[in-house]
Amino acid sequence: MYIYDTLTAAVADLEQRGYEHDFNLSAEYIECKAIDIRLMPEEFEIDEFYRFEGMTDPDDSSVIYAISSPVGNLKGVIIDAYGAYAENISPELLGKLKMHH
C-alpha cells in the first residue's frame, strides 16, 4: 500500500502504475463509458483502496479503489464519496466494496 496526501496524487500515481480506466458505480455493476464495458462484482478485484478525509467538511470524504479484471485485462479506478452508494447499488456490489471500505 502507498500513502498519498491527496486524492489527486493517488489518481496520478495509480494511473502511472497502469490503472488507466475510470469506472463509475451503477446499480448492479461498475462501468467505464470510455471503453463501453460493464463489470459485475465477480468480474473484478479490488487491488488497493485509499480513504481521504475532508479537512473541514466531512461531506468531502472520499475513497478511491484500484481495481483489476481479467475481462479485457483491465485496470482502473473507482472514486466515490463515503456512503454515497449505500442505497443505490446491489447487495453484491455493496458487499464487495464494504469489504475494503
PDB file of N, CA and C in Angstrom:
ATOM      1  N   MET A   1       0.841  -1.176   0.000  1.00  0.00           N
ATOM      2  CA  MET A   1       0.000   0.000   0.000  1.00  0.00           C
ATOM      3  C   MET A   1       0.893   1.249   0.000  1.00  0.00           C
ATOM      4  N   TYR A   2       0.394   2.262  -0.632  1.00  0.00           N
ATOM      5  CA  TYR A   2       1.085   3.531  -0.731  1.00  0.00           C
ATOM      6  C   TYR A   2       0.407   4.532   0.194  1.00  0.00           C
ATOM      7  N   ILE A   3       1.072   5.643   0.438  1.00  0.00           N
ATOM      8  CA  ILE A   3       0.493   6.712   1.238  1.00  0.00           C
ATOM      9  C   ILE A   3       0.427   7.953   0.362  1.00  0.00           C
ATOM     10  N   TYR A   4      -0.768   8.534   0.271  1.00  0.00           N
ATOM     11  CA  TYR A   4      -0.980   9.730  -0.543  1.00  0.00           C
ATOM     12  C   TYR A   4      -1.552  10.836   0.325  1.00  0.00           C
ATOM     13  N   ASP A   5      -1.130  12.054   0.043  1.00  0.00           N
ATOM     14  CA  ASP A   5      -1.661  13.207   0.772  1.00  0.00           C
ATOM     15  C   ASP A   5      -2.988  13.681   0.200  1.00  0.00           C
ATOM     16  N   THR A   6      -3.179  13.478  -1.115  1.00  0.00           N
ATOM     17  CA  THR A   6      -4.406  13.964  -1.754  1.00  0.00           C
ATOM     18  C   THR A   6      -4.965  12.914  -2.710  1.00  0.00           C
ATOM     19  N   LEU A   7      -6.227  13.066  -3.003  1.00  0.00           N
ATOM     20  CA  LEU A   7      -6.878  12.201  -3.984  1.00  0.00           C
ATOM     21  C   LEU A   7      -6.224  12.366  -5.350  1.00  0.00           C
ATOM     22  N   THR A   8      -5.873  13.588  -5.700  1.00  0.00           N
ATOM     23  CA  THR A   8      -5.229  13.866  -6.986  1.00  0.00           C
ATOM     24  C   THR A   8      -3.905  13.130  -7.107  1.00  0.00           C
ATOM     25  N   ALA A   9      -3.115  13.115  -6.048  1.00  0.00           N
ATOM     26  CA  ALA A   9      -1.834  12.404  -6.062  1.00  0.00           C
ATOM     27  C   ALA A   9      -2.060  10.904  -6.222  1.00  0.00           C
ATOM     28  N   ALA A  10      -3.077  10.377  -5.560  1.00  0.00           N
ATOM     29  CA  ALA A  10      -3.386   8.947  -5.677  1.00  0.00           C
ATOM     30  C   ALA A  10      -3.772   8.593  -7.101  1.00  0.00           C
ATOM     31  N   VAL A  11      -4.651   9.391  -7.705  1.00  0.00           N
ATOM     32  CA  VAL A  11      -5.087   9.135  -9.078  1.00  0.00           C
ATOM     33  C   VAL A  11      -3.893   9.171 -10.026  1.00  0.00           C
ATOM     34  N   ALA A  12      -3.034  10.164  -9.885  1.00  0.00           N
ATOM     35  CA  ALA A  12      -1.874  10.302 -10.772  1.00  0.00           C
ATOM     36  C   ALA A  12      -0.934   9.107 -10.644  1.00  0.00           C
ATOM     37  N   ASP A  13      -0.664   8.673  -9.418  1.00  0.00           N
ATOM     38  CA  ASP A  13       0.243   7.540  -9.229  1.00  0.00           C
ATOM     39  C   ASP A  13      -0.373   6.240  -9.718  1.00  0.00           C
ATOM     40  N   LEU A  14      -1.635   6.024  -9.420  1.00  0.00           N
ATOM     41  CA  LEU A  14      -2.299   4.802  -9.884  1.00  0.00           C
ATOM     42  C   LEU A  14      -2.323   4.753 -11.412  1.00  0.00           C
ATOM     43  N   GLU A  15      -2.549   5.883 -12.035  1.00  0.00           N
ATOM     44  CA  GLU A  15      -2.534   5.931 -13.497  1.00  0.00           C
ATOM     45  C   GLU A  15      -1.147   5.555 -14.026  1.00  0.00           C
ATOM     46  N   GLN A  16      -0.099   6.060 -13.398  1.00  0.00           N
ATOM     47  CA  GLN A  16       1.270   5.708 -13.792  1.00  0.00           C
ATOM     48  C   GLN A  16       1.528   4.215 -13.627  1.00  0.00           C
ATOM     49  N   ARG A  17       0.865   3.606 -12.655  1.00  0.00           N
ATOM     50  CA  ARG A  17       1.043   2.179 -12.396  1.00  0.00           C
ATOM     51  C   ARG A  17       0.084   1.310 -13.200  1.00  0.00           C
ATOM     52  N   GLY A  18      -0.596   1.919 -14.178  1.00  0.00           N
ATOM     53  CA  GLY A  18      -1.411   1.144 -15.107  1.00  0.00           C
ATOM     54  C   GLY A  18      -2.898   1.138 -14.858  1.00  0.00           C
ATOM     55  N   TYR A  19      -3.360   1.812 -13.824  1.00  0.00           N
ATOM     56  CA  TYR A  19      -4.800   1.888 -13.540  1.00  0.00           C
ATOM     57  C   TYR A  19      -5.369   3.046 -14.358  1.00  0.00           C
ATOM     58  N   GLU A  20      -5.547   2.799 -15.646  1.00  0.00           N
ATOM     59  CA  GLU A  20      -5.820   3.877 -16.587  1.00  0.00           C
ATOM     60  C   GLU A  20      -7.297   4.176 -16.851  1.00  0.00           C
ATOM     61  N   HIS A  21      -8.190   3.282 -16.504  1.00  0.00           N
ATOM     62  CA  HIS A  21      -9.604   3.471 -16.823  1.00  0.00           C
ATOM     63  C   HIS A  21     -10.378   4.021 -15.625  1.00  0.00           C
ATOM     64  N   ASP A  22     -11.331   4.909 -15.915  1.00  0.00           N
ATOM     65  CA  ASP A  22     -12.199   5.477 -14.883  1.00  0.00           C
ATOM     66  C   ASP A  22     -13.527   4.738 -14.887  1.00  0.00           C
ATOM     67  N   PHE A  23     -13.839   4.091 -13.781  1.00  0.00           N
ATOM     68  CA  PHE A  23     -15.089   3.353 -13.639  1.00  0.00           C
ATOM     69  C   PHE A  23     -16.051   4.122 -12.747  1.00  0.00           C
ATOM     70  N   ASN A  24     -17.334   3.943 -13.007  1.00  0.00           N
ATOM     71  CA  ASN A  24     -18.391   4.530 -12.196  1.00  0.00           C
ATOM     72  C   ASN A  24     -19.271   3.415 -11.656  1.00  0.00           C
ATOM     73  N   LEU A  25     -19.839   3.669 -10.490  1.00  0.00           N
ATOM     74  CA  LEU A  25     -20.764   2.708  -9.894  1.00  0.00           C
ATOM     75  C   LEU A  25     -22.131   2.849 -10.536  1.00  0.00           C
ATOM     76  N   SER A  26     -22.739   1.712 -10.791  1.00  0.00           N
ATOM     77  CA  SER A  26     -24.113   1.659 -11.261  1.00  0.00           C
ATOM     78  C   SER A  26     -24.866   0.775 -10.269  1.00  0.00           C
ATOM     79  N   ALA A  27     -26.136   0.565 -10.477  1.00  0.00           N
ATOM     80  CA  ALA A  27     -26.930  -0.219  -9.530  1.00  0.00           C
ATOM     81  C   ALA A  27     -26.425  -1.650  -9.373  1.00  0.00           C
ATOM     82  N   GLU A  28     -26.039  -2.293 -10.470  1.00  0.00           N
ATOM     83  CA  GLU A  28     -25.672  -3.705 -10.441  1.00  0.00           C
ATOM     84  C   GLU A  28     -24.209  -3.979 -10.789  1.00  0.00           C
ATOM     85  N   TYR A  29     -23.502  -3.003 -11.338  1.00  0.00           N
ATOM     86  CA  TYR A  29     -22.164  -3.234 -11.884  1.00  0.00           C
ATOM     87  C   TYR A  29     -21.341  -1.957 -11.834  1.00  0.00           C
ATOM     88  N   ILE A  30     -20.075  -2.064 -12.213  1.00  0.00           N
ATOM     89  CA  ILE A  30     -19.276  -0.869 -12.449  1.00  0.00           C
ATOM     90  C   ILE A  30     -19.128  -0.737 -13.955  1.00  0.00           C
ATOM     91  N   GLU A  31     -18.969   0.492 -14.435  1.00  0.00           N
ATOM     92  CA  GLU A  31     -18.848   0.676 -15.875  1.00  0.00           C
ATOM     93  C   GLU A  31     -17.819   1.737 -16.214  1.00  0.00           C
ATOM     94  N   CYS A  32     -17.208   1.529 -17.367  1.00  0.00           N
ATOM     95  CA  CYS A  32     -16.304   2.514 -17.944  1.00  0.00           C
ATOM     96  C   CYS A  32     -16.904   2.902 -19.285  1.00  0.00           C
ATOM     97  N   LYS A  33     -17.472   4.090 -19.352  1.00  0.00           N
ATOM     98  CA  LYS A  33     -18.140   4.517 -20.572  1.00  0.00           C
ATOM     99  C   LYS A  33     -17.159   4.760 -21.712  1.00  0.00           C
ATOM    100  N   ALA A  34     -15.922   5.150 -21.394  1.00  0.00           N
ATOM    101  CA  ALA A  34     -14.933   5.445 -22.432  1.00  0.00           C
ATOM    102  C   ALA A  34     -14.635   4.230 -23.307  1.00  0.00           C
ATOM    103  N   ILE A  35     -14.704   3.033 -22.709  1.00  0.00           N
ATOM    104  CA  ILE A  35     -14.448   1.817 -23.492  1.00  0.00           C
ATOM    105  C   ILE A  35     -15.686   0.928 -23.574  1.00  0.00           C
ATOM    106  N   ASP A  36     -16.816   1.452 -23.119  1.00  0.00           N
ATOM    107  CA  ASP A  36     -18.105   0.766 -23.199  1.00  0.00           C
ATOM    108  C   ASP A  36     -18.055  -0.647 -22.622  1.00  0.00           C
ATOM    109  N   ILE A  37     -17.682  -0.725 -21.329  1.00  0.00           N
ATOM    110  CA  ILE A  37     -17.629  -2.030 -20.667  1.00  0.00           C
ATOM    111  C   ILE A  37     -18.299  -1.938 -19.301  1.00  0.00           C
ATOM    112  N   ARG A  38     -18.966  -3.027 -18.949  1.00  0.00           N
ATOM    113  CA  ARG A  38     -19.610  -3.170 -17.643  1.00  0.00           C
ATOM    114  C   ARG A  38     -19.053  -4.423 -16.989  1.00  0.00           C
ATOM    115  N   LEU A  39     -18.749  -4.315 -15.705  1.00  0.00           N
ATOM    116  CA  LEU A  39     -18.228  -5.450 -14.960  1.00  0.00           C
ATOM    117  C   LEU A  39     -19.109  -5.735 -13.748  1.00  0.00           C
ATOM    118  N   MET A  40     -19.520  -6.972 -13.624  1.00  0.00           N
ATOM    119  CA  MET A  40     -20.276  -7.415 -12.460  1.00  0.00           C
ATOM    120  C   MET A  40     -19.305  -7.598 -11.292  1.00  0.00           C
ATOM    121  N   PRO A  41     -19.788  -7.630 -10.055  1.00  0.00           N
ATOM    122  CA  PRO A  41     -18.888  -7.745  -8.898  1.00  0.00           C
ATOM    123  C   PRO A  41     -17.928  -8.934  -8.977  1.00  0.00           C
ATOM    124  N   GLU A  42     -18.366 -10.037  -9.539  1.00  0.00           N
ATOM    125  CA  GLU A  42     -17.494 -11.215  -9.624  1.00  0.00           C
ATOM    126  C   GLU A  42     -16.462 -11.116 -10.750  1.00  0.00           C
ATOM    127  N   GLU A  43     -16.530 -10.063 -11.554  1.00  0.00           N
ATOM    128  CA  GLU A  43     -15.624  -9.917 -12.690  1.00  0.00           C
ATOM    129  C   GLU A  43     -14.449  -8.972 -12.433  1.00  0.00           C
ATOM    130  N   PHE A  44     -14.355  -8.428 -11.203  1.00  0.00           N
ATOM    131  CA  PHE A  44     -13.214  -7.567 -10.893  1.00  0.00           C
ATOM    132  C   PHE A  44     -12.776  -7.769  -9.456  1.00  0.00           C
ATOM    133  N   GLU A  45     -11.543  -7.374  -9.186  1.00  0.00           N
ATOM    134  CA  GLU A  45     -10.977  -7.444  -7.844  1.00  0.00           C
ATOM    135  C   GLU A  45     -10.531  -6.055  -7.418  1.00  0.00           C
ATOM    136  N   ILE A  46     -10.611  -5.793  -6.133  1.00  0.00           N
ATOM    137  CA  ILE A  46     -10.104  -4.545  -5.588  1.00  0.00           C
ATOM    138  C   ILE A  46      -8.678  -4.819  -5.124  1.00  0.00           C
ATOM    139  N   ASP A  47      -7.725  -4.199  -5.809  1.00  0.00           N
ATOM    140  CA  ASP A  47      -6.309  -4.410  -5.506  1.00  0.00           C
ATOM    141  C   ASP A  47      -5.832  -3.539  -4.348  1.00  0.00           C
ATOM    142  N   GLU A  48      -6.306  -2.309  -4.312  1.00  0.00           N
ATOM    143  CA  GLU A  48      -5.910  -1.343  -3.290  1.00  0.00           C
ATOM    144  C   GLU A  48      -7.073  -0.379  -3.078  1.00  0.00           C
ATOM    145  N   PHE A  49      -7.091   0.280  -1.927  1.00  0.00           N
ATOM    146  CA  PHE A  49      -8.059   1.346  -1.707  1.00  0.00           C
ATOM    147  C   PHE A  49      -7.458   2.369  -0.765  1.00  0.00           C
ATOM    148  N   TYR A  50      -7.869   3.608  -0.931  1.00  0.00           N
ATOM    149  CA  TYR A  50      -7.354   4.705  -0.124  1.00  0.00           C
ATOM    150  C   TYR A  50      -8.497   5.627   0.259  1.00  0.00           C
ATOM    151  N   ARG A  51      -8.517   6.040   1.516  1.00  0.00           N
ATOM    152  CA  ARG A  51      -9.554   6.938   2.022  1.00  0.00           C
ATOM    153  C   ARG A  51      -8.973   8.330   2.201  1.00  0.00           C
ATOM    154  N   PHE A  52      -9.802   9.314   1.926  1.00  0.00           N
ATOM    155  CA  PHE A  52      -9.403  10.701   2.102  1.00  0.00           C
ATOM    156  C   PHE A  52     -10.482  11.421   2.892  1.00  0.00           C
ATOM    157  N   GLU A  53     -10.063  12.070   3.955  1.00  0.00           N
ATOM    158  CA  GLU A  53     -10.980  12.797   4.833  1.00  0.00           C
ATOM    159  C   GLU A  53     -10.978  14.266   4.461  1.00  0.00           C
ATOM    160  N   GLY A  54     -12.147  14.872   4.437  1.00  0.00           N
ATOM    161  CA  GLY A  54     -12.239  16.311   4.219  1.00  0.00           C
ATOM    162  C   GLY A  54     -11.645  17.056   5.406  1.00  0.00           C
ATOM    163  N   MET A  55     -10.803  18.038   5.141  1.00  0.00           N
ATOM    164  CA  MET A  55     -10.132  18.785   6.211  1.00  0.00           C
ATOM    165  C   MET A  55     -11.134  19.528   7.109  1.00  0.00           C
ATOM    166  N   THR A  56     -12.144  20.141   6.504  1.00  0.00           N
ATOM    167  CA  THR A  56     -13.083  20.937   7.289  1.00  0.00           C
ATOM    168  C   THR A  56     -14.519  20.456   7.188  1.00  0.00           C
ATOM    169  N   ASP A  57     -14.803  19.657   6.178  1.00  0.00           N
ATOM    170  CA  ASP A  57     -16.181  19.234   5.932  1.00  0.00           C
ATOM    171  C   ASP A  57     -16.233  17.722   5.743  1.00  0.00           C
ATOM    172  N   PRO A  58     -16.899  16.993   6.636  1.00  0.00           N
ATOM    173  CA  PRO A  58     -16.988  15.537   6.499  1.00  0.00           C
ATOM    174  C   PRO A  58     -17.609  15.089   5.174  1.00  0.00           C
ATOM    175  N   ASP A  59     -18.412  15.962   4.559  1.00  0.00           N
ATOM    176  CA  ASP A  59     -19.019  15.617   3.275  1.00  0.00           C
ATOM    177  C   ASP A  59     -17.990  15.543   2.155  1.00  0.00           C
ATOM    178  N   ASP A  60     -16.791  16.036   2.398  1.00  0.00           N
ATOM    179  CA  ASP A  60     -15.725  15.993   1.391  1.00  0.00           C
ATOM    180  C   ASP A  60     -14.956  14.678   1.421  1.00  0.00           C
ATOM    181  N   SER A  61     -15.316  13.759   2.275  1.00  0.00           N
ATOM    182  CA  SER A  61     -14.606  12.490   2.392  1.00  0.00           C
ATOM    183  C   SER A  61     -14.874  11.616   1.177  1.00  0.00           C
ATOM    184  N   SER A  62     -13.829  10.915   0.723  1.00  0.00           N
ATOM    185  CA  SER A  62     -13.971  10.051  -0.441  1.00  0.00           C
ATOM    186  C   SER A  62     -13.037   8.858  -0.326  1.00  0.00           C
ATOM    187  N   VAL A  63     -13.260   7.908  -1.209  1.00  0.00           N
ATOM    188  CA  VAL A  63     -12.427   6.713  -1.269  1.00  0.00           C
ATOM    189  C   VAL A  63     -12.128   6.428  -2.741  1.00  0.00           C
ATOM    190  N   ILE A  64     -10.919   5.942  -2.994  1.00  0.00           N
ATOM    191  CA  ILE A  64     -10.544   5.526  -4.340  1.00  0.00           C
ATOM    192  C   ILE A  64     -10.180   4.044  -4.285  1.00  0.00           C
ATOM    193  N   TYR A  65     -10.756   3.284  -5.197  1.00  0.00           N
ATOM    194  CA  TYR A  65     -10.473   1.864  -5.316  1.00  0.00           C
ATOM    195  C   TYR A  65      -9.657   1.644  -6.588  1.00  0.00           C
ATOM    196  N   ALA A  66      -8.550   0.917  -6.479  1.00  0.00           N
ATOM    197  CA  ALA A  66      -7.788   0.482  -7.654  1.00  0.00           C
ATOM    198  C   ALA A  66      -8.287  -0.921  -7.967  1.00  0.00           C
ATOM    199  N   ILE A  67      -8.839  -1.120  -9.153  1.00  0.00           N
ATOM    200  CA  ILE A  67      -9.437  -2.408  -9.491  1.00  0.00           C
ATOM    201  C   ILE A  67      -8.749  -3.020 -10.708  1.00  0.00           C
ATOM    202  N   SER A  68      -8.841  -4.333 -10.785  1.00  0.00           N
ATOM    203  CA  SER A  68      -8.344  -5.047 -11.962  1.00  0.00           C
ATOM    204  C   SER A  68      -9.348  -6.126 -12.339  1.00  0.00           C
ATOM    205  N   SER A  69      -9.323  -6.491 -13.610  1.00  0.00           N
ATOM    206  CA  SER A  69     -10.256  -7.502 -14.104  1.00  0.00           C
ATOM    207  C   SER A  69      -9.593  -8.329 -15.192  1.00  0.00           C
ATOM    208  N   PRO A  70      -9.788  -9.645 -15.142  1.00  0.00           N
ATOM    209  CA  PRO A  70      -9.306 -10.477 -16.239  1.00  0.00           C
ATOM    210  C   PRO A  70     -10.118 -10.267 -17.516  1.00  0.00           C
ATOM    211  N   VAL A  71     -11.320  -9.692 -17.378  1.00  0.00           N
ATOM    212  CA  VAL A  71     -12.152  -9.385 -18.535  1.00  0.00           C
ATOM    213  C   VAL A  71     -11.484  -8.218 -19.265  1.00  0.00           C
ATOM    214  N   GLY A  72     -10.882  -8.480 -20.386  1.00  0.00           N
ATOM    215  CA  GLY A  72     -10.191  -7.441 -21.138  1.00  0.00           C
ATOM    216  C   GLY A  72      -8.862  -7.036 -20.539  1.00  0.00           C
ATOM    217  N   ASN A  73      -8.411  -7.755 -19.504  1.00  0.00           N
ATOM    218  CA  ASN A  73      -7.144  -7.447 -18.837  1.00  0.00           C
ATOM    219  C   ASN A  73      -7.086  -5.958 -18.456  1.00  0.00           C
ATOM    220  N   LEU A  74      -8.121  -5.486 -17.762  1.00  0.00           N
ATOM    221  CA  LEU A  74      -8.290  -4.071 -17.445  1.00  0.00           C
ATOM    222  C   LEU A  74      -7.818  -3.723 -16.043  1.00  0.00           C
ATOM    223  N   LYS A  75      -7.339  -2.496 -15.905  1.00  0.00           N
ATOM    224  CA  LYS A  75      -7.040  -1.912 -14.603  1.00  0.00           C
ATOM    225  C   LYS A  75      -7.603  -0.496 -14.610  1.00  0.00           C
ATOM    226  N   GLY A  76      -8.197  -0.105 -13.490  1.00  0.00           N
ATOM    227  CA  GLY A  76      -8.776   1.226 -13.424  1.00  0.00           C
ATOM    228  C   GLY A  76      -9.075   1.629 -11.998  1.00  0.00           C
ATOM    229  N   VAL A  77      -9.778   2.744 -11.861  1.00  0.00           N
ATOM    230  CA  VAL A  77     -10.120   3.272 -10.544  1.00  0.00           C
ATOM    231  C   VAL A  77     -11.606   3.578 -10.455  1.00  0.00           C
ATOM    232  N   ILE A  78     -12.102   3.475  -9.235  1.00  0.00           N
ATOM    233  CA  ILE A  78     -13.447   3.929  -8.888  1.00  0.00           C
ATOM    234  C   ILE A  78     -13.256   4.962  -7.783  1.00  0.00           C
ATOM    235  N   ILE A  79     -13.815   6.138  -7.950  1.00  0.00           N
ATOM    236  CA  ILE A  79     -13.759   7.169  -6.916  1.00  0.00           C
ATOM    237  C   ILE A  79     -15.186   7.418  -6.454  1.00  0.00           C
ATOM    238  N   ASP A  80     -15.366   7.395  -5.126  1.00  0.00           N
ATOM    239  CA  ASP A  80     -16.709   7.614  -4.606  1.00  0.00           C
ATOM    240  C   ASP A  80     -16.652   8.269  -3.238  1.00  0.00           C
ATOM    241  N   ALA A  81     -17.721   8.933  -2.879  1.00  0.00           N
ATOM    242  CA  ALA A  81     -17.853   9.537  -1.553  1.00  0.00           C
ATOM    243  C   ALA A  81     -18.251   8.451  -0.564  1.00  0.00           C
ATOM    244  N   TYR A  82     -17.844   8.586   0.671  1.00  0.00           N
ATOM    245  CA  TYR A  82     -18.227   7.620   1.703  1.00  0.00           C
ATOM    246  C   TYR A  82     -19.733   7.489   1.774  1.00  0.00           C
ATOM    247  N   GLY A  83     -20.192   6.283   1.648  1.00  0.00           N
ATOM    248  CA  GLY A  83     -21.594   6.012   1.885  1.00  0.00           C
ATOM    249  C   GLY A  83     -22.557   6.500   0.827  1.00  0.00           C
ATOM    250  N   ALA A  84     -22.087   7.189  -0.170  1.00  0.00           N
ATOM    251  CA  ALA A  84     -22.997   7.754  -1.165  1.00  0.00           C
ATOM    252  C   ALA A  84     -23.729   6.681  -1.957  1.00  0.00           C
ATOM    253  N   TYR A  85     -23.116   5.514  -2.088  1.00  0.00           N
ATOM    254  CA  TYR A  85     -23.700   4.458  -2.902  1.00  0.00           C
ATOM    255  C   TYR A  85     -24.553   3.487  -2.102  1.00  0.00           C
ATOM    256  N   ALA A  86     -24.615   3.618  -0.815  1.00  0.00           N
ATOM    257  CA  ALA A  86     -25.193   2.604   0.050  1.00  0.00           C
ATOM    258  C   ALA A  86     -26.620   2.206  -0.331  1.00  0.00           C
ATOM    259  N   GLU A  87     -27.409   3.141  -0.774  1.00  0.00           N
ATOM    260  CA  GLU A  87     -28.793   2.816  -1.084  1.00  0.00           C
ATOM    261  C   GLU A  87     -29.020   2.589  -2.574  1.00  0.00           C
ATOM    262  N   ASN A  88     -28.016   2.793  -3.400  1.00  0.00           N
ATOM    263  CA  ASN A  88     -28.226   2.795  -4.836  1.00  0.00           C
ATOM    264  C   ASN A  88     -27.637   1.607  -5.589  1.00  0.00           C
ATOM    265  N   ILE A  89     -26.994   0.680  -4.888  1.00  0.00           N
ATOM    266  CA  ILE A  89     -26.368  -0.427  -5.599  1.00  0.00           C
ATOM    267  C   ILE A  89     -26.812  -1.770  -5.028  1.00  0.00           C
ATOM    268  N   SER A  90     -26.559  -2.810  -5.800  1.00  0.00           N
ATOM    269  CA  SER A  90     -26.979  -4.155  -5.403  1.00  0.00           C
ATOM    270  C   SER A  90     -26.239  -4.615  -4.147  1.00  0.00           C
ATOM    271  N   PRO A  91     -26.834  -5.545  -3.411  1.00  0.00           N
ATOM    272  CA  PRO A  91     -26.160  -6.080  -2.223  1.00  0.00           C
ATOM    273  C   PRO A  91     -24.810  -6.726  -2.561  1.00  0.00           C
ATOM    274  N   GLU A  92     -24.695  -7.344  -3.741  1.00  0.00           N
ATOM    275  CA  GLU A  92     -23.440  -7.979  -4.136  1.00  0.00           C
ATOM    276  C   GLU A  92     -22.330  -6.950  -4.334  1.00  0.00           C
ATOM    277  N   LEU A  93     -22.649  -5.869  -5.020  1.00  0.00           N
ATOM    278  CA  LEU A  93     -21.665  -4.822  -5.259  1.00  0.00           C
ATOM    279  C   LEU A  93     -21.335  -4.098  -3.959  1.00  0.00           C
ATOM    280  N   LEU A  94     -22.336  -3.806  -3.159  1.00  0.00           N
ATOM    281  CA  LEU A  94     -22.103  -3.167  -1.869  1.00  0.00           C
ATOM    282  C   LEU A  94     -21.210  -4.034  -0.983  1.00  0.00           C
ATOM    283  N   GLY A  95     -21.467  -5.334  -0.958  1.00  0.00           N
ATOM    284  CA  GLY A  95     -20.661  -6.243  -0.155  1.00  0.00           C
ATOM    285  C   GLY A  95     -19.201  -6.251  -0.582  1.00  0.00           C
ATOM    286  N   LYS A  96     -18.966  -6.223  -1.872  1.00  0.00           N
ATOM    287  CA  LYS A  96     -17.597  -6.222  -2.382  1.00  0.00           C
ATOM    288  C   LYS A  96     -16.877  -4.944  -1.948  1.00  0.00           C
ATOM    289  N   LEU A  97     -17.533  -3.809  -2.071  1.00  0.00           N
ATOM    290  CA  LEU A  97     -16.910  -2.547  -1.710  1.00  0.00           C
ATOM    291  C   LEU A  97     -16.752  -2.406  -0.198  1.00  0.00           C
ATOM    292  N   LYS A  98     -17.705  -2.879   0.569  1.00  0.00           N
ATOM    293  CA  LYS A  98     -17.629  -2.760   2.029  1.00  0.00           C
ATOM    294  C   LYS A  98     -16.491  -3.585   2.613  1.00  0.00           C
ATOM    295  N   MET A  99     -16.124  -4.673   1.957  1.00  0.00           N
ATOM    296  CA  MET A  99     -15.010  -5.486   2.440  1.00  0.00           C
ATOM    297  C   MET A  99     -13.734  -4.645   2.503  1.00  0.00           C
ATOM    298  N   HIS A 100     -13.663  -3.617   1.680  1.00  0.00           N
ATOM    299  CA  HIS A 100     -12.455  -2.806   1.573  1.00  0.00           C
ATOM    300  C   HIS A 100     -12.670  -1.375   2.039  1.00  0.00           C
ATOM    301  N   HIS A 101     -13.813  -1.087   2.607  1.00  0.00           N
ATOM    302  CA  HIS A 101     -14.145   0.298   2.933  1.00  0.00           C
ATOM    303  C   HIS A 101     -13.943   0.559   4.414  1.00  0.00           C
TER     304      HIS A 101
END
